[in-house]
Amino acid sequence: MLNDKLIDVAREVRERAYAPYSGFKVGAAIMAEDGTIYSGCNIENASYSHSICAERVALFKAVGVGARIFQAIAIVTELDNPASPCGACRQVLAEFSPDMQVLMANTRGKVITSTVKELLPMAFSNSDLREDKF
């Protein structure tokens, strides 16, 4: 099953997270429209504001090679209840595929499923930037 594969990739890349300050490791795997999977882990920095979430690492890798439309993203943490993407990640994911499936999982196999649009129902979008709105 594709969802299982996506979660497995996110679980695996989570182990490579660089989280020396929080110890909170996150792995993400995003599937492009053509089925290609791109992975990412969170990367912390001593200057905390320069850290980056796993979801954006995976998405930026995909966009960097030309992907623009996505089917699903899996996010894996070690929490008892799977974590959802932060607000910044929700906004960035909504830029590309607001209807994509979001699989939030923990390392013990619990999975919660949603969509970006459900997690961020009133996302700011390019239509908000139209000139006729000013």
Protein backbone atom coordinates (compact mmCIF):
# COMPACT_ATOMS: atom_id res chain seq x y z
CA MET A 1 0.00 0.00 0.00
CA LEU A 2 1.33 3.45 -0.92
CA ASN A 3 0.48 5.00 2.45
CA ASP A 4 2.56 2.33 4.21
CA LYS A 5 5.49 2.99 1.89
CA LEU A 6 5.30 6.74 2.51
CA ILE A 7 5.18 6.24 6.28
CA ASP A 8 8.10 3.77 6.12
CA VAL A 9 10.24 6.30 4.23
CA ALA A 10 9.35 9.04 6.75
CA ARG A 11 10.13 6.71 9.66
CA GLU A 12 13.51 5.86 8.15
CA VAL A 13 14.57 9.44 7.39
CA ARG A 14 13.47 10.49 10.90
CA GLU A 15 16.51 8.64 12.21
CA ARG A 16 18.74 11.11 10.33
CA ALA A 17 17.16 14.21 11.89
CA TYR A 18 19.54 16.74 13.38
CA ALA A 19 17.82 17.64 16.66
CA PRO A 20 20.57 18.16 19.28
CA TYR A 21 18.62 20.89 21.14
CA SER A 22 15.08 19.55 21.39
CA GLY A 23 15.70 15.84 20.84
CA PHE A 24 12.43 15.93 18.86
CA LYS A 25 13.13 14.01 15.65
CA VAL A 26 10.70 14.27 12.75
CA GLY A 27 10.72 12.52 9.40
CA ALA A 28 8.60 13.40 6.38
CA ALA A 29 8.05 11.85 2.98
CA ILE A 30 6.06 13.57 0.26
CA MET A 31 4.74 11.89 -2.88
CA ALA A 32 4.65 13.92 -6.08
CA GLU A 33 1.92 13.60 -8.68
CA ASP A 34 4.05 11.12 -10.66
CA GLY A 35 4.55 8.86 -7.61
CA THR A 36 8.12 9.92 -6.84
CA ILE A 37 8.82 10.13 -3.11
CA TYR A 38 11.04 12.82 -1.59
CA SER A 39 12.07 12.66 2.06
CA GLY A 40 13.25 15.13 4.65
CA CYS A 41 14.05 15.39 8.34
CA ASN A 42 14.04 18.33 10.70
CA ILE A 43 17.31 20.21 11.03
CA GLU A 44 17.86 22.33 14.12
CA ASN A 45 20.29 25.19 14.56
CA ALA A 46 21.77 26.87 17.63
CA SER A 47 20.06 30.01 16.33
CA TYR A 48 16.63 28.43 16.78
CA SER A 49 14.81 30.53 14.20
CA HIS A 50 17.04 29.05 11.50
CA SER A 51 15.84 25.50 12.13
CA ILE A 52 13.63 23.89 9.50
CA CYS A 53 10.87 21.31 9.73
CA ALA A 54 11.00 17.93 8.03
CA GLU A 55 7.91 18.67 5.93
CA ARG A 56 9.48 21.72 4.32
CA VAL A 57 12.78 19.92 3.73
CA ALA A 58 10.94 17.17 1.82
CA LEU A 59 8.78 19.64 -0.11
CA PHE A 60 11.69 21.93 -1.01
CA LYS A 61 13.72 18.96 -2.29
CA ALA A 62 10.80 17.99 -4.52
CA VAL A 63 10.18 21.50 -5.79
CA GLY A 64 13.90 21.90 -6.43
CA VAL A 65 13.77 19.15 -9.04
CA GLY A 66 10.54 20.37 -10.63
CA ALA A 67 7.66 18.73 -8.75
CA ARG A 68 4.71 21.05 -8.17
CA ILE A 69 1.69 18.85 -7.42
CA PHE A 70 1.58 16.34 -4.58
CA GLN A 71 -0.62 13.39 -3.64
CA ALA A 72 0.30 12.85 0.00
CA ILE A 73 2.76 13.56 2.78
CA ALA A 74 3.61 11.39 5.77
CA ILE A 75 5.01 12.84 8.98
CA VAL A 76 6.47 10.53 11.64
CA THR A 77 7.32 11.43 15.25
CA GLU A 78 7.86 9.42 18.41
CA LEU A 79 4.96 11.03 20.31
CA ASP A 80 2.11 8.92 21.70
CA ASN A 81 -0.28 10.90 19.52
CA PRO A 82 1.00 11.68 16.03
CA ALA A 83 1.95 15.31 15.46
CA SER A 84 0.41 17.49 12.81
CA PRO A 85 2.43 19.90 10.68
CA CYS A 86 3.12 23.30 12.27
CA GLY A 87 1.35 26.37 10.91
CA ALA A 88 4.28 27.38 8.70
CA CYS A 89 4.42 23.94 7.12
CA ARG A 90 0.65 23.90 6.60
CA GLN A 91 0.86 27.21 4.73
CA VAL A 92 3.77 26.05 2.55
CA LEU A 93 2.04 22.74 1.75
CA ALA A 94 -1.18 24.61 0.88
CA GLU A 95 0.74 26.66 -1.70
CA PHE A 96 1.20 23.54 -3.81
CA SER A 97 -1.53 21.00 -3.04
CA PRO A 98 -4.21 21.96 -0.51
CA ASP A 99 -6.10 18.73 -1.22
CA MET A 100 -3.13 16.43 -0.57
CA GLN A 101 -3.55 13.72 2.02
CA VAL A 102 -1.64 14.20 5.28
CA LEU A 103 -0.63 11.04 7.12
CA MET A 104 0.43 11.83 10.67
CA ALA A 105 2.03 8.78 12.28
CA ASN A 106 4.06 7.77 15.28
CA THR A 107 6.84 5.21 15.48
CA ARG A 108 4.46 2.64 16.99
CA GLY A 109 2.10 2.56 14.01
CA LYS A 110 -0.70 4.93 15.01
CA VAL A 111 -1.84 6.99 12.01
CA ILE A 112 -4.19 9.95 11.75
CA THR A 113 -5.26 11.03 8.26
CA SER A 114 -6.40 14.47 7.12
CA THR A 115 -5.85 16.87 4.24
CA VAL A 116 -3.94 20.12 4.14
CA LYS A 117 -7.19 21.97 3.52
CA GLU A 118 -8.76 20.41 6.63
CA LEU A 119 -5.71 21.38 8.71
CA LEU A 120 -5.63 24.94 7.30
CA PRO A 121 -9.14 25.80 6.09
CA MET A 122 -8.53 29.47 5.28
CA ALA A 123 -5.02 29.34 3.82
CA PHE A 124 -3.57 32.50 2.35
CA SER A 125 -3.14 31.90 -1.39
CA ASN A 126 -2.11 33.52 -4.63
CA SER A 127 -5.74 34.50 -5.25
CA ASP A 128 -5.43 36.79 -2.22
CA LEU A 129 -2.75 38.72 -4.10
CA ARG A 130 -4.86 39.63 -7.14
CA GLU A 131 -4.72 43.30 -8.03
CA ASP A 132 -8.52 43.68 -8.12
CA LYS A 133 -8.55 43.02 -4.36
CA PHE A 134 -6.61 46.21 -3.57
